[in-house]
């Protein structure tokens, strides 16, 4: 990815994260947000592990 492309992705992601935080704050309690974050991290770690296993299988 080009330097310009990385800048665009960084800006778009920051905007998206801010939008999601605003929406979550408006519609979820603090406890619900903590639960959501924990569950999203769990999914993220599982996805990262699956990706890593897929890469290992391709290089084996």
PDB file of N, CA and C in Angstrom:
ATOM      1  N   UNK A   1       0.843  -1.171   0.000  1.00  0.00           N
ATOM      2  CA  UNK A   1       0.000   0.000   0.000  1.00  0.00           C
ATOM      3  C   UNK A   1       0.892   1.238   0.000  1.00  0.00           C
ATOM      4  N   UNK A   2       0.456   2.226  -0.700  1.00  0.00           N
ATOM      5  CA  UNK A   2       1.237   3.460  -0.788  1.00  0.00           C
ATOM      6  C   UNK A   2       1.109   4.270   0.502  1.00  0.00           C
ATOM      7  N   UNK A   3       2.017   5.224   0.652  1.00  0.00           N
ATOM      8  CA  UNK A   3       1.971   6.113   1.815  1.00  0.00           C
ATOM      9  C   UNK A   3       0.646   6.876   1.834  1.00  0.00           C
ATOM     10  N   UNK A   4       0.214   7.324   0.669  1.00  0.00           N
ATOM     11  CA  UNK A   4      -1.055   8.038   0.549  1.00  0.00           C
ATOM     12  C   UNK A   4      -2.229   7.139   0.946  1.00  0.00           C
ATOM     13  N   UNK A   5      -2.178   5.899   0.514  1.00  0.00           N
ATOM     14  CA  UNK A   5      -3.223   4.937   0.856  1.00  0.00           C
ATOM     15  C   UNK A   5      -3.286   4.680   2.348  1.00  0.00           C
ATOM     16  N   UNK A   6      -2.121   4.565   2.984  1.00  0.00           N
ATOM     17  CA  UNK A   6      -2.073   4.360   4.434  1.00  0.00           C
ATOM     18  C   UNK A   6      -2.689   5.550   5.170  1.00  0.00           C
ATOM     19  N   UNK A   7      -2.423   6.752   4.675  1.00  0.00           N
ATOM     20  CA  UNK A   7      -3.006   7.950   5.295  1.00  0.00           C
ATOM     21  C   UNK A   7      -4.531   7.923   5.201  1.00  0.00           C
ATOM     22  N   UNK A   8      -5.040   7.526   4.041  1.00  0.00           N
ATOM     23  CA  UNK A   8      -6.491   7.456   3.855  1.00  0.00           C
ATOM     24  C   UNK A   8      -7.092   6.430   4.810  1.00  0.00           C
ATOM     25  N   UNK A   9      -6.502   5.254   4.861  1.00  0.00           N
ATOM     26  CA  UNK A   9      -7.005   4.199   5.743  1.00  0.00           C
ATOM     27  C   UNK A   9      -6.974   4.656   7.197  1.00  0.00           C
ATOM     28  N   UNK A  10      -5.889   5.293   7.606  1.00  0.00           N
ATOM     29  CA  UNK A  10      -5.765   5.773   8.984  1.00  0.00           C
ATOM     30  C   UNK A  10      -6.865   6.780   9.308  1.00  0.00           C
ATOM     31  N   UNK A  11      -7.106   7.712   8.409  1.00  0.00           N
ATOM     32  CA  UNK A  11      -8.139   8.731   8.633  1.00  0.00           C
ATOM     33  C   UNK A  11      -9.528   8.104   8.656  1.00  0.00           C
ATOM     34  N   UNK A  12      -9.808   7.239   7.695  1.00  0.00           N
ATOM     35  CA  UNK A  12     -11.124   6.610   7.613  1.00  0.00           C
ATOM     36  C   UNK A  12     -11.373   5.748   8.846  1.00  0.00           C
ATOM     37  N   UNK A  13     -10.357   5.002   9.276  1.00  0.00           N
ATOM     38  CA  UNK A  13     -10.521   4.159  10.460  1.00  0.00           C
ATOM     39  C   UNK A  13     -10.792   5.017  11.693  1.00  0.00           C
ATOM     40  N   UNK A  14     -10.065   6.116  11.848  1.00  0.00           N
ATOM     41  CA  UNK A  14     -10.268   7.002  13.000  1.00  0.00           C
ATOM     42  C   UNK A  14     -11.693   7.559  13.002  1.00  0.00           C
ATOM     43  N   UNK A  15     -12.174   7.964  11.841  1.00  0.00           N
ATOM     44  CA  UNK A  15     -13.551   8.467  11.734  1.00  0.00           C
ATOM     45  C   UNK A  15     -14.551   7.372  12.091  1.00  0.00           C
ATOM     46  N   UNK A  16     -14.326   6.185  11.581  1.00  0.00           N
ATOM     47  CA  UNK A  16     -15.212   5.051  11.850  1.00  0.00           C
ATOM     48  C   UNK A  16     -15.223   4.720  13.341  1.00  0.00           C
ATOM     49  N   UNK A  17     -14.044   4.662  13.951  1.00  0.00           N
ATOM     50  CA  UNK A  17     -13.946   4.353  15.380  1.00  0.00           C
ATOM     51  C   UNK A  17     -14.691   5.398  16.210  1.00  0.00           C
ATOM     52  N   UNK A  18     -14.555   6.668  15.855  1.00  0.00           N
ATOM     53  CA  UNK A  18     -15.252   7.730  16.580  1.00  0.00           C
ATOM     54  C   UNK A  18     -16.768   7.594  16.417  1.00  0.00           C
ATOM     55  N   UNK A  19     -17.215   7.277  15.210  1.00  0.00           N
ATOM     56  CA  UNK A  19     -18.650   7.078  14.968  1.00  0.00           C
ATOM     57  C   UNK A  19     -19.183   5.912  15.793  1.00  0.00           C
ATOM     58  N   UNK A  20     -18.455   4.812  15.810  1.00  0.00           N
ATOM     59  CA  UNK A  20     -18.886   3.637  16.563  1.00  0.00           C
ATOM     60  C   UNK A  20     -18.920   3.929  18.062  1.00  0.00           C
ATOM     61  N   UNK A  21     -17.952   4.663  18.554  1.00  0.00           N
ATOM     62  CA  UNK A  21     -17.926   5.033  19.973  1.00  0.00           C
ATOM     63  C   UNK A  21     -19.139   5.900  20.320  1.00  0.00           C
ATOM     64  N   UNK A  22     -19.453   6.865  19.465  1.00  0.00           N
ATOM     65  CA  UNK A  22     -20.627   7.718  19.691  1.00  0.00           C
ATOM     66  C   UNK A  22     -21.908   6.887  19.721  1.00  0.00           C
ATOM     67  N   UNK A  23     -22.047   5.994  18.762  1.00  0.00           N
ATOM     68  CA  UNK A  23     -23.250   5.159  18.707  1.00  0.00           C
ATOM     69  C   UNK A  23     -23.346   4.238  19.913  1.00  0.00           C
ATOM     70  N   UNK A  24     -22.235   3.633  20.286  1.00  0.00           N
ATOM     71  CA  UNK A  24     -22.232   2.729  21.435  1.00  0.00           C
ATOM     72  C   UNK A  24     -22.554   3.489  22.714  1.00  0.00           C
ATOM     73  N   UNK A  25     -21.985   4.670  22.858  1.00  0.00           N
ATOM     74  CA  UNK A  25     -22.232   5.469  24.061  1.00  0.00           C
ATOM     75  C   UNK A  25     -23.691   5.896  24.162  1.00  0.00           C
ATOM     76  N   UNK A  26     -24.303   6.136  23.029  1.00  0.00           N
ATOM     77  CA  UNK A  26     -25.693   6.589  23.016  1.00  0.00           C
ATOM     78  C   UNK A  26     -26.680   5.452  23.246  1.00  0.00           C
ATOM     79  N   UNK A  27     -26.295   4.229  22.906  1.00  0.00           N
ATOM     80  CA  UNK A  27     -27.271   3.139  22.940  1.00  0.00           C
ATOM     81  C   UNK A  27     -26.946   2.015  23.915  1.00  0.00           C
ATOM     82  N   UNK A  28     -25.732   1.971  24.457  1.00  0.00           N
ATOM     83  CA  UNK A  28     -25.342   0.892  25.361  1.00  0.00           C
ATOM     84  C   UNK A  28     -24.905   1.450  26.708  1.00  0.00           C
ATOM     85  N   UNK A  29     -25.168   0.683  27.752  1.00  0.00           N
ATOM     86  CA  UNK A  29     -24.653   1.060  29.065  1.00  0.00           C
ATOM     87  C   UNK A  29     -23.151   0.790  29.093  1.00  0.00           C
ATOM     88  N   UNK A  30     -22.489   1.308  30.108  1.00  0.00           N
ATOM     89  CA  UNK A  30     -21.049   1.065  30.260  1.00  0.00           C
ATOM     90  C   UNK A  30     -20.774  -0.445  30.351  1.00  0.00           C
ATOM     91  N   UNK A  31     -21.585  -1.169  31.097  1.00  0.00           N
ATOM     92  CA  UNK A  31     -21.406  -2.620  31.226  1.00  0.00           C
ATOM     93  C   UNK A  31     -21.589  -3.310  29.876  1.00  0.00           C
ATOM     94  N   UNK A  32     -22.578  -2.877  29.115  1.00  0.00           N
ATOM     95  CA  UNK A  32     -22.803  -3.463  27.790  1.00  0.00           C
ATOM     96  C   UNK A  32     -21.631  -3.171  26.860  1.00  0.00           C
ATOM     97  N   UNK A  33     -21.089  -1.962  26.926  1.00  0.00           N
ATOM     98  CA  UNK A  33     -19.925  -1.628  26.091  1.00  0.00           C
ATOM     99  C   UNK A  33     -18.730  -2.496  26.463  1.00  0.00           C
ATOM    100  N   UNK A  34     -18.511  -2.719  27.765  1.00  0.00           N
ATOM    101  CA  UNK A  34     -17.405  -3.582  28.201  1.00  0.00           C
ATOM    102  C   UNK A  34     -17.595  -4.999  27.666  1.00  0.00           C
ATOM    103  N   UNK A  35     -18.825  -5.494  27.740  1.00  0.00           N
ATOM    104  CA  UNK A  35     -19.116  -6.830  27.218  1.00  0.00           C
ATOM    105  C   UNK A  35     -18.884  -6.882  25.715  1.00  0.00           C
ATOM    106  N   UNK A  36     -19.357  -5.872  25.012  1.00  0.00           N
ATOM    107  CA  UNK A  36     -19.171  -5.814  23.562  1.00  0.00           C
ATOM    108  C   UNK A  36     -17.689  -5.824  23.205  1.00  0.00           C
ATOM    109  N   UNK A  37     -16.901  -5.014  23.881  1.00  0.00           N
ATOM    110  CA  UNK A  37     -15.464  -4.958  23.612  1.00  0.00           C
ATOM    111  C   UNK A  37     -14.824  -6.314  23.861  1.00  0.00           C
ATOM    112  N   UNK A  38     -15.185  -6.945  24.979  1.00  0.00           N
ATOM    113  CA  UNK A  38     -14.617  -8.259  25.301  1.00  0.00           C
ATOM    114  C   UNK A  38     -14.960  -9.277  24.215  1.00  0.00           C
ATOM    115  N   UNK A  39     -16.204  -9.280  23.770  1.00  0.00           N
ATOM    116  CA  UNK A  39     -16.627 -10.238  22.748  1.00  0.00           C
ATOM    117  C   UNK A  39     -15.986  -9.955  21.393  1.00  0.00           C
ATOM    118  N   UNK A  40     -15.871  -8.690  21.028  1.00  0.00           N
ATOM    119  CA  UNK A  40     -15.217  -8.352  19.760  1.00  0.00           C
ATOM    120  C   UNK A  40     -13.745  -8.737  19.780  1.00  0.00           C
ATOM    121  N   UNK A  41     -13.090  -8.551  20.921  1.00  0.00           N
ATOM    122  CA  UNK A  41     -11.691  -8.975  21.039  1.00  0.00           C
ATOM    123  C   UNK A  41     -11.585 -10.488  20.890  1.00  0.00           C
ATOM    124  N   UNK A  42     -12.520 -11.209  21.493  1.00  0.00           N
ATOM    125  CA  UNK A  42     -12.514 -12.668  21.388  1.00  0.00           C
ATOM    126  C   UNK A  42     -12.627 -13.100  19.925  1.00  0.00           C
ATOM    127  N   UNK A  43     -13.537 -12.479  19.198  1.00  0.00           N
ATOM    128  CA  UNK A  43     -13.691 -12.781  17.775  1.00  0.00           C
ATOM    129  C   UNK A  43     -12.422 -12.408  17.016  1.00  0.00           C
ATOM    130  N   UNK A  44     -11.858 -11.251  17.329  1.00  0.00           N
ATOM    131  CA  UNK A  44     -10.640 -10.800  16.657  1.00  0.00           C
ATOM    132  C   UNK A  44      -9.478 -11.746  16.865  1.00  0.00           C
ATOM    133  N   UNK A  45      -9.304 -12.214  18.103  1.00  0.00           N
ATOM    134  CA  UNK A  45      -8.216 -13.157  18.377  1.00  0.00           C
ATOM    135  C   UNK A  45      -8.436 -14.472  17.640  1.00  0.00           C
ATOM    136  N   UNK A  46      -9.682 -14.922  17.578  1.00  0.00           N
ATOM    137  CA  UNK A  46      -9.995 -16.154  16.845  1.00  0.00           C
ATOM    138  C   UNK A  46      -9.710 -15.974  15.355  1.00  0.00           C
ATOM    139  N   UNK A  47     -10.091 -14.836  14.808  1.00  0.00           N
ATOM    140  CA  UNK A  47      -9.835 -14.562  13.392  1.00  0.00           C
ATOM    141  C   UNK A  47      -8.339 -14.494  13.115  1.00  0.00           C
ATOM    142  N   UNK A  48      -7.593 -13.855  14.006  1.00  0.00           N
ATOM    143  CA  UNK A  48      -6.141 -13.761  13.825  1.00  0.00           C
ATOM    144  C   UNK A  48      -5.510 -15.147  13.864  1.00  0.00           C
ATOM    145  N   UNK A  49      -5.979 -15.993  14.772  1.00  0.00           N
ATOM    146  CA  UNK A  49      -5.459 -17.355  14.847  1.00  0.00           C
ATOM    147  C   UNK A  49      -5.772 -18.149  13.596  1.00  0.00           C
ATOM    148  N   UNK A  50      -6.983 -18.000  13.082  1.00  0.00           N
ATOM    149  CA  UNK A  50      -7.365 -18.705  11.857  1.00  0.00           C
ATOM    150  C   UNK A  50      -6.536 -18.218  10.682  1.00  0.00           C
ATOM    151  N   UNK A  51      -6.305 -16.922  10.612  1.00  0.00           N
ATOM    152  CA  UNK A  51      -5.486 -16.364   9.541  1.00  0.00           C
ATOM    153  C   UNK A  51      -4.065 -16.903   9.624  1.00  0.00           C
ATOM    154  N   UNK A  52      -3.529 -16.930  10.833  1.00  0.00           N
ATOM    155  CA  UNK A  52      -2.168 -17.440  11.029  1.00  0.00           C
ATOM    156  C   UNK A  52      -2.077 -18.910  10.625  1.00  0.00           C
ATOM    157  N   UNK A  53      -3.068 -19.703  11.002  1.00  0.00           N
ATOM    158  CA  UNK A  53      -3.066 -21.118  10.633  1.00  0.00           C
ATOM    159  C   UNK A  53      -3.161 -21.279   9.125  1.00  0.00           C
ATOM    160  N   UNK A  54      -3.956 -20.450   8.481  1.00  0.00           N
ATOM    161  CA  UNK A  54      -4.076 -20.501   7.027  1.00  0.00           C
ATOM    162  C   UNK A  54      -2.770 -20.162   6.348  1.00  0.00           C
ATOM    163  N   UNK A  55      -2.060 -19.183   6.875  1.00  0.00           N
ATOM    164  CA  UNK A  55      -0.763 -18.807   6.312  1.00  0.00           C
ATOM    165  C   UNK A  55       0.251 -19.920   6.516  1.00  0.00           C
ATOM    166  N   UNK A  56       0.218 -20.564   7.688  1.00  0.00           N
ATOM    167  CA  UNK A  56       1.135 -21.670   7.952  1.00  0.00           C
ATOM    168  C   UNK A  56       0.864 -22.828   7.002  1.00  0.00           C
ATOM    169  N   UNK A  57      -0.403 -23.101   6.729  1.00  0.00           N
ATOM    170  CA  UNK A  57      -0.762 -24.196   5.828  1.00  0.00           C
ATOM    171  C   UNK A  57      -0.284 -23.911   4.409  1.00  0.00           C
ATOM    172  N   UNK A  58      -0.351 -22.650   3.993  1.00  0.00           N
ATOM    173  CA  UNK A  58       0.085 -22.302   2.643  1.00  0.00           C
ATOM    174  C   UNK A  58       1.596 -22.398   2.491  1.00  0.00           C
ATOM    175  N   UNK A  59       2.344 -22.156   3.558  1.00  0.00           N
ATOM    176  CA  UNK A  59       3.803 -22.175   3.458  1.00  0.00           C
ATOM    177  C   UNK A  59       4.388 -23.536   3.783  1.00  0.00           C
ATOM    178  N   UNK A  60       3.570 -24.474   4.238  1.00  0.00           N
ATOM    179  CA  UNK A  60       4.074 -25.808   4.608  1.00  0.00           C
ATOM    180  C   UNK A  60       4.259 -26.681   3.393  1.00  0.00           C
TER     181      UNK A  60
END
